[in-house]
Amino acid sequence: MIGRLNHVAIAVPDLEAAADQYRNALGANVGPAKDEPDHGVTVIFIELPNTKIELLYPLGDDSPINGFLEKNPAGGIHHICYEVDDIIVARDHLKSTGARVLGNGEPKIGAHGKPVIFLHPKDFNGALVELEQV
């Protein structure tokens, strides 16, 4: 059911410093910052030959990233994202196996303009999983 690894998301306490580190120290292709108000984050994507890194920074006081950064002040891996062909088929299959879809279970439009859902980390070995329809 799952396809390629789409990205690994890293929550960061300083978005520009993190982007500069990838740009200058690692020589990566770093995209522009983009606010995602529906998800409460500002993101920067770093393009790699085989996948992407998504830097996440809180957008507002209600951002879900605030709690993560309180527990992990230096930042850290927040989630991994896999591609799926059909988000509804994937969601329904996962729910039939007992996996919990976060939120109301309905896909939202993610940072790439495509439908996404998130799966409860307790159902996936402590990892928050995002699925993105390609």
Protein backbone atom coordinates (compact mmCIF):
# COMPACT_ATOMS: atom_id res chain seq x y z
CA MET A 1 0.00 0.00 0.00
CA ILE A 2 2.66 2.59 0.89
CA GLY A 3 4.95 3.88 -1.78
CA ARG A 4 8.04 6.02 -1.69
CA LEU A 5 9.30 7.92 1.30
CA ASN A 6 8.13 11.46 0.52
CA HIS A 7 9.87 13.33 3.33
CA VAL A 8 11.19 13.33 6.87
CA ALA A 9 9.94 16.29 8.92
CA ILE A 10 12.17 17.91 11.51
CA ALA A 11 10.75 20.40 14.02
CA VAL A 12 13.22 23.23 14.59
CA PRO A 13 13.42 26.07 17.13
CA ASP A 14 14.97 28.48 14.59
CA LEU A 15 13.80 28.02 11.00
CA GLU A 16 16.34 30.31 9.31
CA ALA A 17 19.28 28.89 11.27
CA ALA A 18 18.24 25.35 10.32
CA ALA A 19 17.80 26.31 6.65
CA ASP A 20 21.20 28.01 6.65
CA GLN A 21 22.81 24.91 8.14
CA TYR A 22 21.44 22.70 5.37
CA ARG A 23 22.28 25.29 2.71
CA ASN A 24 25.80 26.22 3.88
CA ALA A 25 27.15 23.21 5.77
CA LEU A 26 25.56 20.50 3.63
CA GLY A 27 25.21 22.32 0.31
CA ALA A 28 21.54 21.37 -0.01
CA ASN A 29 18.92 22.92 -2.28
CA VAL A 30 16.76 24.78 0.26
CA GLY A 31 13.37 26.11 -0.79
CA PRO A 32 11.57 29.20 0.50
CA ALA A 33 9.62 29.38 3.76
CA LYS A 34 5.89 28.82 3.33
CA ASP A 35 3.17 29.36 5.94
CA GLU A 36 0.64 26.54 6.26
CA PRO A 37 -2.10 28.07 8.46
CA ASP A 38 -4.35 24.97 8.27
CA HIS A 39 -1.59 22.97 9.93
CA GLY A 40 -0.20 25.70 12.21
CA VAL A 41 3.31 25.55 10.77
CA THR A 42 5.79 27.33 8.58
CA VAL A 43 7.71 24.88 6.39
CA ILE A 44 10.84 24.84 4.32
CA PHE A 45 11.52 21.90 2.03
CA ILE A 46 15.03 20.73 1.32
CA GLU A 47 15.26 18.81 -1.95
CA LEU A 48 17.47 15.72 -1.95
CA PRO A 49 18.06 13.40 -4.91
CA ASN A 50 15.84 10.67 -3.45
CA THR A 51 13.47 12.44 -1.01
CA LYS A 52 12.93 15.69 0.90
CA ILE A 53 13.53 17.07 4.38
CA GLU A 54 10.75 19.27 5.74
CA LEU A 55 11.77 21.80 8.36
CA LEU A 56 8.80 22.66 10.62
CA TYR A 57 8.45 25.79 12.69
CA PRO A 58 5.41 26.86 14.77
CA LEU A 59 2.99 29.29 13.15
CA GLY A 60 1.16 30.93 16.04
CA ASP A 61 0.53 30.02 19.64
CA ASP A 62 -1.82 27.14 18.78
CA SER A 63 0.70 25.31 16.60
CA PRO A 64 1.03 21.59 17.34
CA ILE A 65 4.79 22.07 16.96
CA ASN A 66 4.94 24.21 20.12
CA GLY A 67 4.30 21.20 22.35
CA PHE A 68 6.87 19.14 20.50
CA LEU A 69 9.51 21.85 20.89
CA GLU A 70 8.69 22.25 24.60
CA LYS A 71 9.56 18.57 25.06
CA ASN A 72 12.47 18.76 22.58
CA PRO A 73 13.91 22.30 22.79
CA ALA A 74 16.71 21.56 20.33
CA GLY A 75 14.19 20.17 17.82
CA GLY A 76 14.04 16.68 16.37
CA ILE A 77 12.36 14.35 13.93
CA HIS A 78 8.63 15.05 14.06
CA HIS A 79 7.18 12.67 11.45
CA ILE A 80 7.81 10.62 8.34
CA CYS A 81 5.67 10.84 5.23
CA TYR A 82 4.93 8.01 2.82
CA GLU A 83 3.18 8.29 -0.52
CA VAL A 84 -0.03 6.42 -1.33
CA ASP A 85 -1.99 6.19 -4.56
CA ASP A 86 -5.42 6.73 -2.98
CA ILE A 87 -5.67 8.38 0.44
CA ILE A 88 -9.26 7.23 1.06
CA VAL A 89 -8.52 3.59 0.23
CA ALA A 90 -5.41 3.76 2.44
CA ARG A 91 -7.34 5.40 5.30
CA ASP A 92 -10.17 2.87 5.15
CA HIS A 93 -7.76 -0.06 5.04
CA LEU A 94 -5.77 1.28 7.99
CA LYS A 95 -8.90 1.88 10.04
CA SER A 96 -10.03 -1.69 9.30
CA THR A 97 -6.76 -2.93 10.85
CA GLY A 98 -7.31 -0.85 14.00
CA ALA A 99 -4.95 2.01 13.16
CA ARG A 100 -6.07 5.42 14.39
CA VAL A 101 -6.28 8.35 12.01
CA LEU A 102 -5.73 11.65 13.79
CA GLY A 103 -8.20 14.52 13.65
CA ASN A 104 -11.63 13.81 12.22
CA GLY A 105 -10.26 11.19 9.83
CA GLU A 106 -10.84 13.31 6.75
CA PRO A 107 -7.83 14.24 4.60
CA LYS A 108 -6.55 17.81 4.68
CA ILE A 109 -4.55 19.50 1.97
CA GLY A 110 -0.88 19.35 2.89
CA ALA A 111 2.12 21.51 2.09
CA HIS A 112 2.45 20.01 -1.40
CA GLY A 113 -1.18 20.81 -2.24
CA LYS A 114 -2.18 17.14 -1.99
CA PRO A 115 -4.46 15.29 0.46
CA VAL A 116 -2.79 14.03 3.64
CA ILE A 117 -3.71 12.19 6.82
CA PHE A 118 -1.73 11.50 9.98
CA LEU A 119 -1.65 8.20 11.86
CA HIS A 120 -1.33 7.88 15.62
CA PRO A 121 2.28 7.27 16.69
CA LYS A 122 1.25 4.66 19.27
CA ASP A 123 0.07 2.48 16.38
CA PHE A 124 3.40 2.79 14.49
CA ASN A 125 6.20 2.12 16.97
CA GLY A 126 6.22 5.65 18.36
CA ALA A 127 6.54 7.34 14.94
CA LEU A 128 3.99 9.89 13.74
CA VAL A 129 3.20 8.84 10.16
CA GLU A 130 1.83 11.10 7.45
CA LEU A 131 0.35 9.65 4.28
CA GLU A 132 0.21 11.81 1.18
CA GLN A 133 -1.75 11.00 -1.97
CA VAL A 134 0.39 11.27 -5.10
